Amino acid sequence: MSDAYDFDDERDGGQRKASLRQVAAFMWKHWSSQPGKLAMVGLLFGLAIVADLSMPFASKHLVDALTTGPSTSGQTAAAFGYGVLIFLAFIFYMARNTGVRFHIPFASKNMERIVTDG
């Protein structure tokens, strides 16, 4: 048979190996060793989230401009709304992609430290 069916984690008491507090402390210990990268990852992903959550509001103004009809003010409002939507999409994708470029070495260094310290 296979040892895939041998679950050594099953105990009668169902106790955890580590508490949530211990896990959080372990993660914070490794994350705080790279404060610059941690701050950049948080800042860039936070910016991407804000831009992503702002898109429905920009879309609402674009739809409102389109419902005014084919007037000069409607065309100007639609162009402005479209520009805002494009700007938010640009910020979202740039922040997310740049955030990933900071996250990869951040996570790689954390994994290296976990293996080295283990």
N, C-alpha and C. Protein backbone atom coordinates (compact mmCIF):
# COMPACT_ATOMS: atom_id res chain seq x y z
N MET A 1 0.84 -1.18 0.00
CA MET A 1 0.00 0.00 0.00
C MET A 1 0.89 1.24 0.00
N SER A 2 0.30 2.35 0.08
CA SER A 2 1.03 3.61 0.03
C SER A 2 0.99 4.30 1.39
N ASP A 3 2.01 5.09 1.63
CA ASP A 3 2.00 5.85 2.89
C ASP A 3 1.18 7.13 2.78
N ALA A 4 0.53 7.33 1.64
CA ALA A 4 -0.31 8.52 1.47
C ALA A 4 -1.53 8.47 2.37
N TYR A 5 -1.87 7.28 2.85
CA TYR A 5 -3.05 7.14 3.70
C TYR A 5 -2.71 7.19 5.18
N ASP A 6 -1.43 7.35 5.50
CA ASP A 6 -1.01 7.44 6.90
C ASP A 6 -1.02 8.90 7.31
N PHE A 7 -2.02 9.30 8.07
CA PHE A 7 -2.14 10.69 8.51
C PHE A 7 -1.57 10.80 9.92
N ASP A 8 -0.39 11.37 10.02
CA ASP A 8 0.20 11.52 11.35
C ASP A 8 -0.36 12.73 12.09
N ASP A 9 -1.13 13.57 11.42
CA ASP A 9 -1.71 14.74 12.07
C ASP A 9 -2.98 14.41 12.85
N GLU A 10 -3.52 13.23 12.61
CA GLU A 10 -4.76 12.87 13.30
C GLU A 10 -4.44 12.42 14.71
N ARG A 11 -4.88 13.20 15.65
CA ARG A 11 -4.72 12.87 17.07
C ARG A 11 -6.10 12.77 17.68
N ASP A 12 -6.14 12.11 18.80
CA ASP A 12 -7.44 11.97 19.47
C ASP A 12 -7.97 13.32 19.94
N GLY A 13 -7.09 14.17 20.46
CA GLY A 13 -7.51 15.47 20.97
C GLY A 13 -7.73 16.50 19.89
N GLY A 14 -7.25 16.26 18.69
CA GLY A 14 -7.40 17.21 17.61
C GLY A 14 -6.64 18.51 17.85
N GLN A 15 -5.51 18.43 18.52
CA GLN A 15 -4.75 19.63 18.85
C GLN A 15 -4.00 20.14 17.63
N ARG A 16 -3.86 21.45 17.58
CA ARG A 16 -3.08 22.06 16.52
C ARG A 16 -1.60 21.99 16.87
N LYS A 17 -0.77 22.01 15.85
CA LYS A 17 0.67 22.01 16.08
C LYS A 17 1.16 23.38 16.52
N ALA A 18 0.49 24.43 16.06
CA ALA A 18 0.85 25.80 16.44
C ALA A 18 -0.43 26.63 16.51
N SER A 19 -0.43 27.56 17.43
CA SER A 19 -1.60 28.43 17.55
C SER A 19 -1.54 29.51 16.47
N LEU A 20 -2.65 30.18 16.28
CA LEU A 20 -2.70 31.27 15.30
C LEU A 20 -1.71 32.37 15.67
N ARG A 21 -1.57 32.64 16.94
CA ARG A 21 -0.61 33.65 17.40
C ARG A 21 0.83 33.25 17.06
N GLN A 22 1.16 31.98 17.24
CA GLN A 22 2.50 31.51 16.91
C GLN A 22 2.77 31.60 15.41
N VAL A 23 1.78 31.27 14.62
CA VAL A 23 1.93 31.36 13.16
C VAL A 23 2.11 32.81 12.74
N ALA A 24 1.30 33.72 13.30
CA ALA A 24 1.41 35.14 12.96
C ALA A 24 2.77 35.69 13.39
N ALA A 25 3.25 35.30 14.56
CA ALA A 25 4.57 35.76 15.02
C ALA A 25 5.68 35.23 14.12
N PHE A 26 5.55 33.98 13.69
CA PHE A 26 6.54 33.40 12.78
C PHE A 26 6.58 34.15 11.46
N MET A 27 5.39 34.43 10.92
CA MET A 27 5.32 35.15 9.64
C MET A 27 5.87 36.56 9.80
N TRP A 28 5.49 37.26 10.86
CA TRP A 28 5.95 38.63 11.06
C TRP A 28 7.47 38.68 11.23
N LYS A 29 8.04 37.67 11.88
CA LYS A 29 9.50 37.63 12.06
C LYS A 29 10.21 37.63 10.71
N HIS A 30 9.70 36.86 9.79
CA HIS A 30 10.34 36.77 8.48
C HIS A 30 10.00 37.99 7.62
N TRP A 31 8.77 38.46 7.68
CA TRP A 31 8.38 39.61 6.86
C TRP A 31 9.09 40.87 7.30
N SER A 32 9.26 41.06 8.61
CA SER A 32 9.85 42.30 9.11
C SER A 32 11.36 42.37 8.86
N SER A 33 11.96 41.29 8.40
CA SER A 33 13.38 41.34 8.08
C SER A 33 13.64 42.09 6.77
N GLN A 34 12.59 42.35 6.00
CA GLN A 34 12.71 43.10 4.74
C GLN A 34 11.68 44.23 4.74
N PRO A 35 11.87 45.25 5.56
CA PRO A 35 10.82 46.28 5.69
C PRO A 35 10.58 47.08 4.41
N GLY A 36 11.62 47.33 3.63
CA GLY A 36 11.45 48.10 2.40
C GLY A 36 10.58 47.37 1.38
N LYS A 37 10.90 46.10 1.16
CA LYS A 37 10.12 45.32 0.20
C LYS A 37 8.70 45.09 0.70
N LEU A 38 8.55 44.87 2.00
CA LEU A 38 7.21 44.69 2.57
C LEU A 38 6.37 45.95 2.38
N ALA A 39 6.98 47.11 2.60
CA ALA A 39 6.25 48.37 2.42
C ALA A 39 5.88 48.59 0.96
N MET A 40 6.79 48.28 0.05
CA MET A 40 6.49 48.47 -1.37
C MET A 40 5.40 47.51 -1.85
N VAL A 41 5.45 46.27 -1.40
CA VAL A 41 4.41 45.30 -1.77
C VAL A 41 3.06 45.78 -1.25
N GLY A 42 3.02 46.20 0.01
CA GLY A 42 1.77 46.69 0.59
C GLY A 42 1.27 47.94 -0.11
N LEU A 43 2.17 48.87 -0.39
CA LEU A 43 1.78 50.12 -1.04
C LEU A 43 1.26 49.87 -2.45
N LEU A 44 1.99 49.08 -3.23
CA LEU A 44 1.60 48.87 -4.62
C LEU A 44 0.32 48.04 -4.74
N PHE A 45 0.19 46.99 -3.94
CA PHE A 45 -1.05 46.22 -4.00
C PHE A 45 -2.22 47.01 -3.43
N GLY A 46 -1.96 47.84 -2.42
CA GLY A 46 -3.01 48.72 -1.91
C GLY A 46 -3.47 49.71 -2.96
N LEU A 47 -2.52 50.28 -3.70
CA LEU A 47 -2.86 51.20 -4.78
C LEU A 47 -3.66 50.49 -5.87
N ALA A 48 -3.27 49.26 -6.20
CA ALA A 48 -4.01 48.50 -7.21
C ALA A 48 -5.44 48.21 -6.74
N ILE A 49 -5.61 47.93 -5.46
CA ILE A 49 -6.95 47.67 -4.93
C ILE A 49 -7.81 48.92 -5.00
N VAL A 50 -7.22 50.07 -4.61
CA VAL A 50 -7.97 51.33 -4.65
C VAL A 50 -8.38 51.66 -6.09
N ALA A 51 -7.45 51.48 -7.04
CA ALA A 51 -7.77 51.76 -8.44
C ALA A 51 -8.86 50.81 -8.95
N ASP A 52 -8.76 49.55 -8.57
CA ASP A 52 -9.75 48.57 -9.01
C ASP A 52 -11.14 48.88 -8.44
N LEU A 53 -11.19 49.26 -7.18
CA LEU A 53 -12.48 49.57 -6.56
C LEU A 53 -13.04 50.91 -7.03
N SER A 54 -12.21 51.76 -7.62
CA SER A 54 -12.68 53.05 -8.14
C SER A 54 -13.27 52.94 -9.54
N MET A 55 -13.00 51.86 -10.24
CA MET A 55 -13.47 51.72 -11.62
C MET A 55 -15.00 51.75 -11.76
N PRO A 56 -15.77 51.14 -10.87
CA PRO A 56 -17.24 51.26 -11.03
C PRO A 56 -17.74 52.70 -10.93
N PHE A 57 -17.11 53.52 -10.09
CA PHE A 57 -17.52 54.91 -9.99
C PHE A 57 -17.20 55.67 -11.27
N ALA A 58 -16.04 55.38 -11.86
CA ALA A 58 -15.69 56.01 -13.14
C ALA A 58 -16.63 55.51 -14.23
N SER A 59 -16.98 54.25 -14.20
CA SER A 59 -17.91 53.71 -15.20
C SER A 59 -19.29 54.34 -15.07
N LYS A 60 -19.71 54.62 -13.85
CA LYS A 60 -21.00 55.25 -13.62
C LYS A 60 -21.04 56.62 -14.29
N HIS A 61 -19.98 57.39 -14.13
CA HIS A 61 -19.94 58.72 -14.76
C HIS A 61 -19.89 58.61 -16.28
N LEU A 62 -19.24 57.58 -16.78
CA LEU A 62 -19.21 57.37 -18.22
C LEU A 62 -20.60 57.02 -18.74
N VAL A 63 -21.31 56.16 -18.05
CA VAL A 63 -22.67 55.79 -18.46
C VAL A 63 -23.60 56.99 -18.36
N ASP A 64 -23.47 57.78 -17.29
CA ASP A 64 -24.28 59.00 -17.16
C ASP A 64 -24.03 59.96 -18.31
N ALA A 65 -22.77 60.08 -18.72
CA ALA A 65 -22.45 60.97 -19.84
C ALA A 65 -23.04 60.45 -21.14
N LEU A 66 -23.04 59.14 -21.31
CA LEU A 66 -23.59 58.56 -22.54
C LEU A 66 -25.11 58.67 -22.60
N THR A 67 -25.77 58.69 -21.46
CA THR A 67 -27.23 58.78 -21.47
C THR A 67 -27.72 60.20 -21.70
N THR A 68 -26.84 61.19 -21.66
CA THR A 68 -27.27 62.57 -21.91
C THR A 68 -27.56 62.81 -23.37
N GLY A 69 -27.07 61.95 -24.23
CA GLY A 69 -27.35 62.11 -25.65
C GLY A 69 -26.17 62.69 -26.40
N PRO A 70 -26.34 62.79 -27.73
CA PRO A 70 -25.24 63.24 -28.58
C PRO A 70 -25.11 64.77 -28.63
N SER A 71 -24.87 65.37 -27.50
CA SER A 71 -24.64 66.82 -27.46
C SER A 71 -23.16 67.08 -27.25
N THR A 72 -22.76 68.31 -27.40
CA THR A 72 -21.35 68.65 -27.22
C THR A 72 -20.92 68.41 -25.78
N SER A 73 -21.76 68.79 -24.83
CA SER A 73 -21.41 68.57 -23.42
C SER A 73 -21.41 67.08 -23.08
N GLY A 74 -22.30 66.31 -23.70
CA GLY A 74 -22.33 64.87 -23.49
C GLY A 74 -21.08 64.20 -24.04
N GLN A 75 -20.63 64.65 -25.21
CA GLN A 75 -19.41 64.09 -25.79
C GLN A 75 -18.19 64.43 -24.95
N THR A 76 -18.15 65.65 -24.44
CA THR A 76 -17.03 66.06 -23.59
C THR A 76 -17.01 65.25 -22.30
N ALA A 77 -18.19 65.09 -21.68
CA ALA A 77 -18.28 64.31 -20.45
C ALA A 77 -17.93 62.84 -20.69
N ALA A 78 -18.35 62.29 -21.84
CA ALA A 78 -18.03 60.90 -22.16
C ALA A 78 -16.54 60.72 -22.38
N ALA A 79 -15.92 61.66 -23.08
CA ALA A 79 -14.47 61.58 -23.31
C ALA A 79 -13.71 61.68 -21.99
N PHE A 80 -14.16 62.57 -21.11
CA PHE A 80 -13.52 62.70 -19.80
C PHE A 80 -13.70 61.42 -18.98
N GLY A 81 -14.92 60.88 -18.96
CA GLY A 81 -15.18 59.64 -18.23
C GLY A 81 -14.37 58.47 -18.76
N TYR A 82 -14.24 58.40 -20.07
CA TYR A 82 -13.43 57.35 -20.68
C TYR A 82 -11.96 57.52 -20.31
N GLY A 83 -11.50 58.77 -20.31
CA GLY A 83 -10.12 59.04 -19.92
C GLY A 83 -9.84 58.65 -18.47
N VAL A 84 -10.79 58.94 -17.59
CA VAL A 84 -10.62 58.56 -16.18
C VAL A 84 -10.58 57.04 -16.04
N LEU A 85 -11.43 56.35 -16.78
CA LEU A 85 -11.45 54.89 -16.74
C LEU A 85 -10.13 54.30 -17.26
N ILE A 86 -9.61 54.85 -18.34
CA ILE A 86 -8.33 54.40 -18.88
C ILE A 86 -7.20 54.67 -17.89
N PHE A 87 -7.23 55.84 -17.25
CA PHE A 87 -6.21 56.19 -16.26
C PHE A 87 -6.24 55.21 -15.08
N LEU A 88 -7.43 54.90 -14.58
CA LEU A 88 -7.54 53.95 -13.47
C LEU A 88 -7.07 52.56 -13.86
N ALA A 89 -7.39 52.14 -15.08
CA ALA A 89 -6.93 50.83 -15.55
C ALA A 89 -5.40 50.81 -15.65
N PHE A 90 -4.82 51.90 -16.13
CA PHE A 90 -3.36 51.99 -16.23
C PHE A 90 -2.73 51.91 -14.84
N ILE A 91 -3.26 52.66 -13.89
CA ILE A 91 -2.73 52.63 -12.52
C ILE A 91 -2.87 51.23 -11.93
N PHE A 92 -4.02 50.60 -12.14
CA PHE A 92 -4.25 49.26 -11.61
C PHE A 92 -3.22 48.27 -12.14
N TYR A 93 -3.06 48.21 -13.45
CA TYR A 93 -2.14 47.22 -14.02
C TYR A 93 -0.69 47.53 -13.71
N MET A 94 -0.31 48.78 -13.72
CA MET A 94 1.08 49.13 -13.41
C MET A 94 1.39 48.84 -11.94
N ALA A 95 0.48 49.19 -11.03
CA ALA A 95 0.72 48.95 -9.61
C ALA A 95 0.76 47.45 -9.32
N ARG A 96 -0.15 46.71 -9.93
CA ARG A 96 -0.19 45.27 -9.68
C ARG A 96 1.05 44.58 -10.23
N ASN A 97 1.43 44.90 -11.46
CA ASN A 97 2.59 44.26 -12.06
C ASN A 97 3.89 44.66 -11.37
N THR A 98 4.01 45.91 -10.98
CA THR A 98 5.20 46.34 -10.24
C THR A 98 5.21 45.71 -8.85
N GLY A 99 4.03 45.60 -8.23
CA GLY A 99 3.95 44.95 -6.93
C GLY A 99 4.40 43.50 -6.98
N VAL A 100 4.05 42.80 -8.05
CA VAL A 100 4.50 41.41 -8.21
C VAL A 100 6.01 41.36 -8.35
N ARG A 101 6.59 42.34 -9.01
CA ARG A 101 8.05 42.37 -9.18
C ARG A 101 8.76 42.60 -7.85
N PHE A 102 8.11 43.24 -6.90
CA PHE A 102 8.66 43.36 -5.56
C PHE A 102 8.34 42.12 -4.72
N HIS A 103 7.18 41.52 -4.96
CA HIS A 103 6.75 40.38 -4.15
C HIS A 103 7.58 39.13 -4.42
N ILE A 104 8.00 38.92 -5.65
CA ILE A 104 8.75 37.71 -5.99
C ILE A 104 10.06 37.62 -5.21
N PRO A 105 10.93 38.66 -5.23
CA PRO A 105 12.15 38.54 -4.41
C PRO A 105 11.86 38.56 -2.91
N PHE A 106 10.80 39.26 -2.51
CA PHE A 106 10.41 39.28 -1.10
C PHE A 106 10.05 37.87 -0.63
N ALA A 107 9.19 37.19 -1.37
CA ALA A 107 8.77 35.83 -1.00
C ALA A 107 9.93 34.85 -1.13
N SER A 108 10.75 35.02 -2.15
CA SER A 108 11.89 34.14 -2.35
C SER A 108 12.87 34.23 -1.18
N LYS A 109 13.15 35.44 -0.74
CA LYS A 109 14.06 35.63 0.39
C LYS A 109 13.46 35.05 1.67
N ASN A 110 12.15 35.21 1.85
CA ASN A 110 11.50 34.62 3.03
C ASN A 110 11.59 33.10 3.01
N MET A 111 11.35 32.49 1.85
CA MET A 111 11.45 31.04 1.76
C MET A 111 12.88 30.57 2.01
N GLU A 112 13.85 31.33 1.50
CA GLU A 112 15.25 30.98 1.73
C GLU A 112 15.58 31.04 3.22
N ARG A 113 15.10 32.06 3.91
CA ARG A 113 15.37 32.19 5.35
C ARG A 113 14.68 31.09 6.14
N ILE A 114 13.48 30.70 5.74
CA ILE A 114 12.78 29.63 6.45
C ILE A 114 13.55 28.32 6.32
N VAL A 115 14.05 28.03 5.12
CA VAL A 115 14.81 26.80 4.91
C VAL A 115 16.15 26.87 5.63
N THR A 116 16.80 28.02 5.57
CA THR A 116 18.11 28.17 6.21
C THR A 116 17.99 28.10 7.73
N ASP A 117 16.97 28.73 8.28
CA ASP A 117 16.78 28.72 9.73
C ASP A 117 16.28 27.38 10.24
N GLY A 118 15.67 26.59 9.36
CA GLY A 118 15.08 25.32 9.77
C GLY A 118 16.11 24.31 10.09
